[in-house]
Amino acid sequence: MIRRNGAQDWNNIHVTKRTALDDLIDIDNSTGNPQAPPFALLRQAATDLDRLIQQARAQGKRIRALGSGWALTDIAITDGWLVNTKLLNGCFDVASDLFETEYPETKRPYLVLAQCGISVNELNIFLEVTRTVGFGRALKTAGIGAGHTIGGATSGNTHGSAINFGAMPDFIVGLQVVTGNGKSLWIERA
């Protein structure tokens, strides 16, 4: 679902960046069906985002995604439309029949599908509490502030790394990219 909040002044959570927006737009996982399966939520979110991108393009507006607004830089600054993705925070285990046969059996319990707006904290809670695989899991690195969205934390490469297991972007094995042309792309590692 898309909610337009109209023109307004906006600043990041640390109040280090400010801007006047043409529109602050909330997008969430509402489908009208509270029992909707995970892929229905993902399809609806992609459709809504795609429509927003098309509208921005048609109206000549700049459009940026907003997660938690924690970035100290101007990454979320625009004079156009700011799309709040924080409510796209679904997370799902991947069913065994969805794996390619070449994907190692030992890695399958650790793979989840998480939307861009889920916070590092929400993702870690899901990984720990959801024991459909028989045990709790956690991100290998999460940093001190767990309020970042996973989309922001990985695209900004925040929260550090370690020699033996890398940084947050290294944990991503696939991305859905909404293009604004009516077609999403799914990109995976080899």
N, C-alpha and C. Protein backbone atom coordinates (compact mmCIF):
# COMPACT_ATOMS: atom_id res chain seq x y z
N MET A 1 0.83 -1.16 0.00
CA MET A 1 0.00 0.00 0.00
C MET A 1 0.88 1.24 0.00
N ILE A 2 0.45 2.24 -0.70
CA ILE A 2 1.18 3.50 -0.80
C ILE A 2 0.37 4.59 -0.09
N ARG A 3 1.03 5.33 0.79
CA ARG A 3 0.41 6.48 1.45
C ARG A 3 1.27 7.71 1.18
N ARG A 4 0.66 8.71 0.60
CA ARG A 4 1.37 9.96 0.32
C ARG A 4 1.14 10.93 1.47
N ASN A 5 2.21 11.47 2.01
CA ASN A 5 2.14 12.38 3.14
C ASN A 5 2.32 13.83 2.74
N GLY A 6 2.60 14.07 1.45
CA GLY A 6 2.69 15.44 0.95
C GLY A 6 4.03 16.10 1.19
N ALA A 7 4.09 17.35 0.72
CA ALA A 7 5.31 18.15 0.84
C ALA A 7 5.58 18.45 2.31
N GLN A 8 6.85 18.39 2.69
CA GLN A 8 7.23 18.67 4.08
C GLN A 8 8.73 18.78 4.21
N ASP A 9 9.15 19.36 5.31
CA ASP A 9 10.57 19.38 5.65
C ASP A 9 10.91 18.05 6.30
N TRP A 10 12.11 17.56 6.01
CA TRP A 10 12.54 16.28 6.56
C TRP A 10 13.99 16.40 6.99
N ASN A 11 14.35 15.71 8.08
CA ASN A 11 15.75 15.60 8.48
C ASN A 11 16.02 14.17 8.92
N ASN A 12 17.30 13.77 8.80
CA ASN A 12 17.66 12.42 9.22
C ASN A 12 17.60 12.34 10.75
N ILE A 13 17.73 11.14 11.26
CA ILE A 13 17.54 10.90 12.69
C ILE A 13 18.57 11.65 13.54
N HIS A 14 19.76 11.89 13.00
CA HIS A 14 20.81 12.59 13.74
C HIS A 14 20.76 14.10 13.51
N VAL A 15 19.84 14.56 12.69
CA VAL A 15 19.64 15.96 12.34
C VAL A 15 20.92 16.58 11.78
N THR A 16 21.64 15.79 10.99
CA THR A 16 22.83 16.31 10.32
C THR A 16 22.52 16.71 8.87
N LYS A 17 21.38 16.26 8.36
CA LYS A 17 20.96 16.58 6.99
C LYS A 17 19.49 16.96 7.00
N ARG A 18 19.16 18.00 6.25
CA ARG A 18 17.78 18.47 6.14
C ARG A 18 17.45 18.73 4.69
N THR A 19 16.15 18.61 4.37
CA THR A 19 15.71 18.92 3.01
C THR A 19 14.22 19.22 3.01
N ALA A 20 13.77 19.89 1.97
CA ALA A 20 12.34 20.13 1.75
C ALA A 20 11.90 19.17 0.64
N LEU A 21 10.96 18.30 0.96
CA LEU A 21 10.50 17.26 0.03
C LEU A 21 9.24 17.69 -0.70
N ASP A 22 9.10 17.23 -1.94
CA ASP A 22 7.83 17.37 -2.64
C ASP A 22 6.81 16.38 -2.08
N ASP A 23 7.27 15.22 -1.62
CA ASP A 23 6.37 14.22 -1.05
C ASP A 23 7.18 13.20 -0.26
N LEU A 24 6.67 12.86 0.92
CA LEU A 24 7.20 11.76 1.71
C LEU A 24 6.18 10.63 1.56
N ILE A 25 6.60 9.52 1.01
CA ILE A 25 5.69 8.44 0.65
C ILE A 25 6.02 7.20 1.48
N ASP A 26 5.00 6.70 2.19
CA ASP A 26 5.15 5.45 2.94
C ASP A 26 4.70 4.30 2.06
N ILE A 27 5.42 3.20 2.10
CA ILE A 27 5.02 1.99 1.39
C ILE A 27 5.12 0.84 2.37
N ASP A 28 4.10 -0.02 2.36
CA ASP A 28 4.11 -1.14 3.30
C ASP A 28 3.63 -2.41 2.62
N ASN A 29 3.48 -3.47 3.42
CA ASN A 29 3.14 -4.79 2.91
C ASN A 29 1.64 -5.07 2.85
N SER A 30 0.82 -4.05 2.94
CA SER A 30 -0.63 -4.29 2.91
C SER A 30 -1.05 -4.84 1.55
N THR A 31 -1.76 -5.95 1.59
CA THR A 31 -2.28 -6.55 0.36
C THR A 31 -3.79 -6.68 0.40
N GLY A 32 -4.39 -6.34 1.53
CA GLY A 32 -5.82 -6.55 1.70
C GLY A 32 -6.13 -7.95 2.21
N ASN A 33 -5.11 -8.79 2.27
CA ASN A 33 -5.29 -10.17 2.74
C ASN A 33 -4.26 -10.44 3.84
N PRO A 34 -4.70 -10.45 5.12
CA PRO A 34 -3.74 -10.66 6.21
C PRO A 34 -3.06 -12.03 6.17
N GLN A 35 -3.62 -12.97 5.45
CA GLN A 35 -3.05 -14.32 5.34
C GLN A 35 -2.26 -14.50 4.05
N ALA A 36 -1.94 -13.41 3.37
CA ALA A 36 -1.24 -13.49 2.09
C ALA A 36 0.09 -14.21 2.25
N PRO A 37 0.41 -15.11 1.32
CA PRO A 37 1.70 -15.80 1.39
C PRO A 37 2.85 -14.84 1.10
N PRO A 38 4.06 -15.19 1.53
CA PRO A 38 5.22 -14.29 1.36
C PRO A 38 5.40 -13.77 -0.05
N PHE A 39 5.25 -14.62 -1.05
CA PHE A 39 5.51 -14.14 -2.40
C PHE A 39 4.46 -13.15 -2.87
N ALA A 40 3.24 -13.23 -2.32
CA ALA A 40 2.21 -12.23 -2.64
C ALA A 40 2.63 -10.87 -2.09
N LEU A 41 3.19 -10.85 -0.88
CA LEU A 41 3.68 -9.60 -0.30
C LEU A 41 4.80 -9.01 -1.15
N LEU A 42 5.71 -9.86 -1.56
CA LEU A 42 6.84 -9.39 -2.36
C LEU A 42 6.38 -8.85 -3.72
N ARG A 43 5.45 -9.55 -4.35
CA ARG A 43 4.93 -9.10 -5.64
C ARG A 43 4.21 -7.76 -5.50
N GLN A 44 3.40 -7.61 -4.44
CA GLN A 44 2.67 -6.37 -4.24
C GLN A 44 3.62 -5.21 -4.00
N ALA A 45 4.63 -5.42 -3.16
CA ALA A 45 5.61 -4.37 -2.88
C ALA A 45 6.35 -3.98 -4.15
N ALA A 46 6.74 -4.95 -4.94
CA ALA A 46 7.45 -4.66 -6.21
C ALA A 46 6.54 -3.89 -7.16
N THR A 47 5.27 -4.27 -7.23
CA THR A 47 4.32 -3.58 -8.09
C THR A 47 4.14 -2.13 -7.64
N ASP A 48 3.98 -1.93 -6.33
CA ASP A 48 3.82 -0.57 -5.80
C ASP A 48 5.06 0.28 -6.06
N LEU A 49 6.24 -0.27 -5.80
CA LEU A 49 7.48 0.47 -6.05
C LEU A 49 7.64 0.79 -7.53
N ASP A 50 7.33 -0.18 -8.37
CA ASP A 50 7.44 0.02 -9.80
C ASP A 50 6.52 1.17 -10.25
N ARG A 51 5.31 1.18 -9.74
CA ARG A 51 4.36 2.23 -10.09
C ARG A 51 4.88 3.60 -9.63
N LEU A 52 5.45 3.69 -8.44
CA LEU A 52 6.00 4.95 -7.95
C LEU A 52 7.14 5.44 -8.84
N ILE A 53 8.01 4.53 -9.23
CA ILE A 53 9.13 4.91 -10.10
C ILE A 53 8.61 5.44 -11.43
N GLN A 54 7.61 4.76 -11.99
CA GLN A 54 7.02 5.21 -13.26
C GLN A 54 6.38 6.59 -13.11
N GLN A 55 5.66 6.82 -12.00
CA GLN A 55 5.04 8.12 -11.78
C GLN A 55 6.09 9.22 -11.62
N ALA A 56 7.15 8.93 -10.88
CA ALA A 56 8.22 9.92 -10.70
C ALA A 56 8.86 10.25 -12.04
N ARG A 57 9.12 9.24 -12.84
CA ARG A 57 9.71 9.45 -14.15
C ARG A 57 8.80 10.32 -15.03
N ALA A 58 7.50 10.01 -15.03
CA ALA A 58 6.54 10.74 -15.85
C ALA A 58 6.41 12.20 -15.42
N GLN A 59 6.58 12.46 -14.11
CA GLN A 59 6.44 13.82 -13.59
C GLN A 59 7.77 14.55 -13.46
N GLY A 60 8.86 13.89 -13.86
CA GLY A 60 10.18 14.51 -13.79
C GLY A 60 10.65 14.74 -12.36
N LYS A 61 10.26 13.86 -11.45
CA LYS A 61 10.64 13.99 -10.04
C LYS A 61 11.80 13.06 -9.71
N ARG A 62 12.68 13.55 -8.85
CA ARG A 62 13.72 12.68 -8.30
C ARG A 62 13.05 11.81 -7.24
N ILE A 63 13.54 10.58 -7.11
CA ILE A 63 12.97 9.66 -6.12
C ILE A 63 14.12 8.94 -5.42
N ARG A 64 14.04 8.87 -4.13
CA ARG A 64 15.05 8.19 -3.32
C ARG A 64 14.37 7.28 -2.32
N ALA A 65 15.04 6.22 -1.95
CA ALA A 65 14.54 5.31 -0.92
C ALA A 65 15.05 5.78 0.43
N LEU A 66 14.21 5.60 1.44
CA LEU A 66 14.56 5.93 2.81
C LEU A 66 14.37 4.69 3.66
N GLY A 67 15.37 4.37 4.44
CA GLY A 67 15.23 3.29 5.40
C GLY A 67 14.96 3.88 6.77
N SER A 68 15.92 3.79 7.66
CA SER A 68 15.75 4.31 9.02
C SER A 68 16.15 5.77 9.14
N GLY A 69 16.81 6.31 8.12
CA GLY A 69 17.25 7.70 8.18
C GLY A 69 18.45 7.91 9.07
N TRP A 70 19.24 6.85 9.27
CA TRP A 70 20.40 6.94 10.15
C TRP A 70 21.67 7.45 9.46
N ALA A 71 21.69 7.45 8.14
CA ALA A 71 22.92 7.83 7.43
C ALA A 71 23.32 9.25 7.79
N LEU A 72 24.59 9.44 8.04
CA LEU A 72 25.12 10.77 8.33
C LEU A 72 25.37 11.56 7.05
N THR A 73 25.36 10.88 5.92
CA THR A 73 25.59 11.52 4.64
C THR A 73 24.26 11.95 4.02
N ASP A 74 24.31 12.49 2.82
CA ASP A 74 23.10 12.95 2.14
C ASP A 74 22.50 11.88 1.22
N ILE A 75 22.75 10.61 1.52
CA ILE A 75 22.28 9.52 0.66
C ILE A 75 20.77 9.52 0.48
N ALA A 76 20.01 9.97 1.48
CA ALA A 76 18.55 9.99 1.37
C ALA A 76 18.01 11.38 1.03
N ILE A 77 18.88 12.32 0.75
CA ILE A 77 18.45 13.69 0.50
C ILE A 77 17.99 13.85 -0.95
N THR A 78 16.82 14.45 -1.10
CA THR A 78 16.27 14.77 -2.40
C THR A 78 15.33 15.95 -2.25
N ASP A 79 15.08 16.64 -3.33
CA ASP A 79 14.06 17.69 -3.30
C ASP A 79 12.78 17.16 -3.94
N GLY A 80 12.80 15.87 -4.28
CA GLY A 80 11.66 15.23 -4.93
C GLY A 80 10.88 14.38 -3.96
N TRP A 81 10.77 13.09 -4.29
CA TRP A 81 10.00 12.15 -3.48
C TRP A 81 10.92 11.27 -2.67
N LEU A 82 10.64 11.13 -1.40
CA LEU A 82 11.38 10.24 -0.52
C LEU A 82 10.44 9.10 -0.15
N VAL A 83 10.83 7.88 -0.49
CA VAL A 83 9.98 6.71 -0.28
C VAL A 83 10.47 5.96 0.96
N ASN A 84 9.63 5.97 1.99
CA ASN A 84 9.94 5.31 3.25
C ASN A 84 9.69 3.81 3.09
N THR A 85 10.76 3.03 3.08
CA THR A 85 10.66 1.57 2.89
C THR A 85 10.68 0.82 4.22
N LYS A 86 10.71 1.52 5.35
CA LYS A 86 10.86 0.88 6.66
C LYS A 86 9.78 -0.17 6.94
N LEU A 87 8.59 0.01 6.35
CA LEU A 87 7.51 -0.95 6.59
C LEU A 87 7.52 -2.13 5.63
N LEU A 88 8.49 -2.17 4.75
CA LEU A 88 8.73 -3.37 3.92
C LEU A 88 9.71 -4.23 4.70
N ASN A 89 9.21 -4.83 5.77
CA ASN A 89 10.10 -5.51 6.72
C ASN A 89 9.77 -6.99 6.89
N GLY A 90 9.28 -7.60 5.83
CA GLY A 90 9.01 -9.03 5.88
C GLY A 90 10.29 -9.85 5.83
N CYS A 91 10.24 -11.02 6.42
CA CYS A 91 11.37 -11.94 6.40
C CYS A 91 10.81 -13.36 6.39
N PHE A 92 11.37 -14.21 5.55
CA PHE A 92 10.81 -15.53 5.34
C PHE A 92 11.93 -16.55 5.15
N ASP A 93 11.73 -17.74 5.72
CA ASP A 93 12.62 -18.84 5.39
C ASP A 93 12.30 -19.29 3.97
N VAL A 94 13.27 -19.84 3.29
CA VAL A 94 13.10 -20.27 1.91
C VAL A 94 12.76 -21.76 1.90
N ALA A 95 11.65 -22.09 1.24
CA ALA A 95 11.21 -23.49 1.17
C ALA A 95 12.22 -24.32 0.40
N SER A 96 12.39 -25.56 0.82
CA SER A 96 13.41 -26.43 0.23
C SER A 96 13.22 -26.65 -1.27
N ASP A 97 11.97 -26.61 -1.75
CA ASP A 97 11.74 -26.83 -3.18
C ASP A 97 12.11 -25.63 -4.05
N LEU A 98 12.50 -24.51 -3.43
CA LEU A 98 12.87 -23.32 -4.19
C LEU A 98 14.37 -23.21 -4.46
N PHE A 99 15.15 -24.12 -3.91
CA PHE A 99 16.60 -24.08 -4.11
C PHE A 99 16.98 -24.77 -5.41
N GLU A 100 17.98 -24.23 -6.08
CA GLU A 100 18.59 -24.94 -7.19
C GLU A 100 19.29 -26.16 -6.61
N THR A 101 19.35 -27.23 -7.36
CA THR A 101 19.95 -28.47 -6.83
C THR A 101 21.42 -28.28 -6.46
N GLU A 102 22.09 -27.34 -7.12
CA GLU A 102 23.52 -27.10 -6.86
C GLU A 102 23.77 -26.34 -5.56
N TYR A 103 22.73 -25.69 -5.01
CA TYR A 103 22.94 -24.92 -3.79
C TYR A 103 23.20 -25.89 -2.64
N PRO A 104 24.32 -25.75 -1.93
CA PRO A 104 24.72 -26.73 -0.91
C PRO A 104 23.67 -26.92 0.19
N GLU A 105 23.36 -28.15 0.48
CA GLU A 105 22.39 -28.51 1.53
C GLU A 105 22.78 -27.88 2.87
N THR A 106 24.07 -27.82 3.17
CA THR A 106 24.52 -27.32 4.47
C THR A 106 24.28 -25.82 4.64
N LYS A 107 24.16 -25.09 3.53
CA LYS A 107 23.94 -23.64 3.60
C LYS A 107 22.46 -23.27 3.61
N ARG A 108 21.60 -24.15 3.20
CA ARG A 108 20.17 -23.85 3.05
C ARG A 108 19.49 -23.36 4.33
N PRO A 109 19.77 -23.92 5.50
CA PRO A 109 19.10 -23.44 6.71
C PRO A 109 19.43 -21.98 7.06
N TYR A 110 20.50 -21.45 6.49
CA TYR A 110 20.94 -20.10 6.83
C TYR A 110 20.41 -19.04 5.86
N LEU A 111 19.72 -19.46 4.82
CA LEU A 111 19.23 -18.53 3.82
C LEU A 111 17.82 -18.08 4.15
N VAL A 112 17.61 -16.78 4.23
CA VAL A 112 16.27 -16.22 4.41
C VAL A 112 16.07 -15.15 3.34
N LEU A 113 14.82 -14.87 3.08
CA LEU A 113 14.45 -13.80 2.17
C LEU A 113 13.97 -12.64 3.02
N ALA A 114 14.69 -11.53 2.99
CA ALA A 114 14.37 -10.36 3.82
C ALA A 114 14.12 -9.15 2.93
N GLN A 115 13.09 -8.41 3.24
CA GLN A 115 12.81 -7.19 2.49
C GLN A 115 13.75 -6.07 2.93
N CYS A 116 13.91 -5.08 2.06
CA CYS A 116 14.88 -4.01 2.28
C CYS A 116 14.64 -3.21 3.55
N GLY A 117 13.40 -3.09 4.03
CA GLY A 117 13.10 -2.25 5.18
C GLY A 117 13.24 -2.90 6.54
N ILE A 118 13.52 -4.20 6.56
CA ILE A 118 13.69 -4.86 7.87
C ILE A 118 14.95 -4.31 8.53
N SER A 119 14.85 -4.00 9.81
CA SER A 119 16.02 -3.48 10.51
C SER A 119 16.96 -4.62 10.87
N VAL A 120 18.19 -4.27 11.15
CA VAL A 120 19.17 -5.28 11.58
C VAL A 120 18.65 -5.98 12.83
N ASN A 121 18.04 -5.22 13.73
CA ASN A 121 17.47 -5.79 14.94
C ASN A 121 16.33 -6.75 14.62
N GLU A 122 15.38 -6.33 13.77
CA GLU A 122 14.25 -7.20 13.41
C GLU A 122 14.74 -8.48 12.74
N LEU A 123 15.74 -8.36 11.88
CA LEU A 123 16.27 -9.54 11.20
C LEU A 123 16.92 -10.50 12.19
N ASN A 124 17.70 -9.97 13.12
CA ASN A 124 18.32 -10.84 14.11
C ASN A 124 17.29 -11.51 15.01
N ILE A 125 16.21 -10.80 15.34
CA ILE A 125 15.14 -11.42 16.13
C ILE A 125 14.51 -12.56 15.34
N PHE A 126 14.21 -12.31 14.05
CA PHE A 126 13.64 -13.36 13.21
C PHE A 126 14.58 -14.57 13.17
N LEU A 127 15.86 -14.32 12.97
CA LEU A 127 16.82 -15.42 12.86
C LEU A 127 16.94 -16.21 14.16
N GLU A 128 16.87 -15.54 15.29
CA GLU A 128 16.99 -16.22 16.58
C GLU A 128 15.71 -16.96 16.96
N VAL A 129 14.58 -16.31 16.77
CA VAL A 129 13.31 -16.86 17.27
C VAL A 129 12.70 -17.88 16.32
N THR A 130 12.81 -17.66 15.02
CA THR A 130 12.21 -18.57 14.06
C THR A 130 13.11 -19.78 13.90
N ARG A 131 12.69 -20.86 14.50
CA ARG A 131 13.52 -22.06 14.54
C ARG A 131 12.98 -23.15 13.64
N THR A 132 12.47 -22.76 12.48
CA THR A 132 11.94 -23.75 11.55
C THR A 132 13.04 -24.69 11.07
N VAL A 133 14.28 -24.24 11.19
CA VAL A 133 15.40 -25.07 10.77
C VAL A 133 15.96 -25.89 11.93
N GLY A 134 15.38 -25.71 13.13
CA GLY A 134 15.79 -26.50 14.28
C GLY A 134 16.75 -25.81 15.22
N PHE A 135 17.22 -24.62 14.88
CA PHE A 135 18.16 -23.90 15.75
C PHE A 135 18.08 -22.41 15.46
N GLY A 136 18.55 -21.59 16.41
CA GLY A 136 18.59 -20.15 16.22
C GLY A 136 19.76 -19.74 15.35
N ARG A 137 19.61 -18.62 14.70
CA ARG A 137 20.65 -18.10 13.82
C ARG A 137 20.87 -16.63 14.16
N ALA A 138 21.89 -16.00 13.59
CA ALA A 138 22.15 -14.58 13.78
C ALA A 138 23.06 -14.08 12.66
N LEU A 139 23.01 -12.77 12.43
CA LEU A 139 23.97 -12.18 11.49
C LEU A 139 25.37 -12.31 12.09
N LYS A 140 26.36 -12.47 11.25
CA LYS A 140 27.72 -12.62 11.76
C LYS A 140 28.29 -11.32 12.29
N THR A 141 27.82 -10.20 11.76
CA THR A 141 28.21 -8.89 12.27
C THR A 141 26.99 -8.00 12.22
N ALA A 142 26.81 -7.20 13.26
CA ALA A 142 25.63 -6.34 13.30
C ALA A 142 25.95 -4.95 13.83
N GLY A 143 27.15 -4.73 14.33
CA GLY A 143 27.50 -3.40 14.82
C GLY A 143 26.76 -3.04 16.10
N ILE A 144 27.00 -1.84 16.55
CA ILE A 144 26.40 -1.41 17.81
C ILE A 144 24.98 -0.89 17.64
N GLY A 145 24.67 -0.28 16.49
CA GLY A 145 23.34 0.26 16.26
C GLY A 145 22.57 -0.68 15.35
N ALA A 146 21.49 -1.26 15.85
CA ALA A 146 20.75 -2.25 15.07
C ALA A 146 19.49 -1.67 14.45
N GLY A 147 19.38 -0.35 14.38
CA GLY A 147 18.20 0.28 13.81
C GLY A 147 18.26 0.48 12.31
N HIS A 148 19.44 0.34 11.73
CA HIS A 148 19.57 0.48 10.27
C HIS A 148 18.68 -0.55 9.58
N THR A 149 18.13 -0.19 8.43
CA THR A 149 17.46 -1.20 7.63
C THR A 149 18.52 -2.05 6.96
N ILE A 150 18.16 -3.27 6.61
CA ILE A 150 19.13 -4.16 5.97
C ILE A 150 19.53 -3.60 4.60
N GLY A 151 18.58 -2.95 3.91
CA GLY A 151 18.90 -2.31 2.64
C GLY A 151 19.93 -1.21 2.81
N GLY A 152 19.76 -0.38 3.83
CA GLY A 152 20.69 0.70 4.09
C GLY A 152 22.04 0.21 4.61
N ALA A 153 21.99 -0.76 5.52
CA ALA A 153 23.24 -1.28 6.11
C ALA A 153 24.11 -1.97 5.06
N THR A 154 23.47 -2.66 4.13
CA THR A 154 24.27 -3.36 3.12
C THR A 154 24.71 -2.44 1.99
N SER A 155 23.84 -1.52 1.58
CA SER A 155 24.24 -0.61 0.49
C SER A 155 25.26 0.40 0.97
N GLY A 156 25.23 0.75 2.25
CA GLY A 156 26.20 1.68 2.81
C GLY A 156 27.40 0.98 3.41
N ASN A 157 27.40 -0.35 3.42
CA ASN A 157 28.48 -1.18 3.96
C ASN A 157 28.85 -0.76 5.38
N THR A 158 27.83 -0.59 6.19
CA THR A 158 28.05 -0.20 7.58
C THR A 158 28.17 -1.44 8.46
N HIS A 159 28.46 -1.24 9.69
CA HIS A 159 28.52 -2.28 10.71
C HIS A 159 29.74 -3.18 10.62
N GLY A 160 30.77 -2.74 9.96
CA GLY A 160 32.04 -3.43 10.04
C GLY A 160 32.12 -4.78 9.35
N SER A 161 33.25 -5.40 9.55
CA SER A 161 33.51 -6.69 8.94
C SER A 161 34.56 -7.42 9.77
N ALA A 162 34.89 -8.61 9.32
CA ALA A 162 35.95 -9.39 9.94
C ALA A 162 36.65 -10.18 8.85
N ILE A 163 37.90 -10.46 9.06
CA ILE A 163 38.70 -11.15 8.05
C ILE A 163 38.09 -12.48 7.65
N ASN A 164 37.59 -13.24 8.62
CA ASN A 164 37.10 -14.58 8.33
C ASN A 164 35.71 -14.65 7.72
N PHE A 165 34.92 -13.58 7.83
CA PHE A 165 33.58 -13.67 7.27
C PHE A 165 33.07 -12.42 6.58
N GLY A 166 33.84 -11.39 6.44
CA GLY A 166 33.46 -10.24 5.64
C GLY A 166 32.48 -9.29 6.30
N ALA A 167 31.83 -8.47 5.47
CA ALA A 167 30.90 -7.44 5.93
C ALA A 167 29.48 -7.81 5.52
N MET A 168 28.52 -7.01 5.95
CA MET A 168 27.12 -7.30 5.65
C MET A 168 26.82 -7.53 4.18
N PRO A 169 27.36 -6.73 3.26
CA PRO A 169 27.07 -7.00 1.85
C PRO A 169 27.51 -8.39 1.39
N ASP A 170 28.49 -8.96 2.08
CA ASP A 170 28.96 -10.30 1.73
C ASP A 170 27.94 -11.38 2.07
N PHE A 171 26.95 -11.05 2.90
CA PHE A 171 25.94 -12.03 3.30
C PHE A 171 24.82 -12.15 2.27
N ILE A 172 24.76 -11.23 1.34
CA ILE A 172 23.67 -11.23 0.35
C ILE A 172 24.00 -12.18 -0.79
N VAL A 173 23.05 -13.05 -1.10
CA VAL A 173 23.25 -14.00 -2.21
C VAL A 173 22.30 -13.74 -3.36
N GLY A 174 21.33 -12.84 -3.16
CA GLY A 174 20.40 -12.50 -4.24
C GLY A 174 19.69 -11.21 -3.95
N LEU A 175 19.31 -10.50 -5.01
CA LEU A 175 18.60 -9.23 -4.89
C LEU A 175 17.45 -9.17 -5.88
N GLN A 176 16.33 -8.61 -5.44
CA GLN A 176 15.26 -8.26 -6.36
C GLN A 176 15.41 -6.78 -6.63
N VAL A 177 15.51 -6.40 -7.89
CA VAL A 177 15.67 -5.01 -8.27
C VAL A 177 14.43 -4.58 -9.04
N VAL A 178 13.76 -3.55 -8.51
CA VAL A 178 12.58 -3.01 -9.17
C VAL A 178 13.05 -1.92 -10.12
N THR A 179 12.69 -2.04 -11.39
CA THR A 179 13.26 -1.19 -12.43
C THR A 179 12.40 -0.01 -12.85
N GLY A 180 11.11 -0.05 -12.57
CA GLY A 180 10.24 1.02 -13.01
C GLY A 180 9.76 0.86 -14.44
N ASN A 181 9.97 -0.31 -15.00
CA ASN A 181 9.48 -0.56 -16.37
C ASN A 181 8.48 -1.72 -16.39
N GLY A 182 7.92 -2.04 -15.22
CA GLY A 182 6.95 -3.11 -15.14
C GLY A 182 7.54 -4.49 -14.94
N LYS A 183 8.85 -4.56 -14.82
CA LYS A 183 9.52 -5.85 -14.68
C LYS A 183 10.61 -5.75 -13.62
N SER A 184 10.57 -6.67 -12.65
CA SER A 184 11.63 -6.73 -11.64
C SER A 184 12.70 -7.70 -12.12
N LEU A 185 13.90 -7.46 -11.65
CA LEU A 185 15.02 -8.35 -11.95
C LEU A 185 15.41 -9.10 -10.69
N TRP A 186 15.74 -10.36 -10.81
CA TRP A 186 16.26 -11.15 -9.71
C TRP A 186 17.70 -11.47 -10.05
N ILE A 187 18.61 -11.01 -9.20
CA ILE A 187 20.03 -11.20 -9.45
C ILE A 187 20.60 -12.05 -8.33
N GLU A 188 21.30 -13.14 -8.70
CA GLU A 188 21.89 -14.05 -7.72
C GLU A 188 23.39 -14.19 -7.99
N ARG A 189 24.08 -14.58 -6.94
CA ARG A 189 25.47 -14.98 -7.12
C ARG A 189 25.51 -16.29 -7.89
N ALA A 190 26.62 -16.57 -8.50
CA ALA A 190 26.77 -17.82 -9.24
C ALA A 190 26.60 -19.00 -8.32
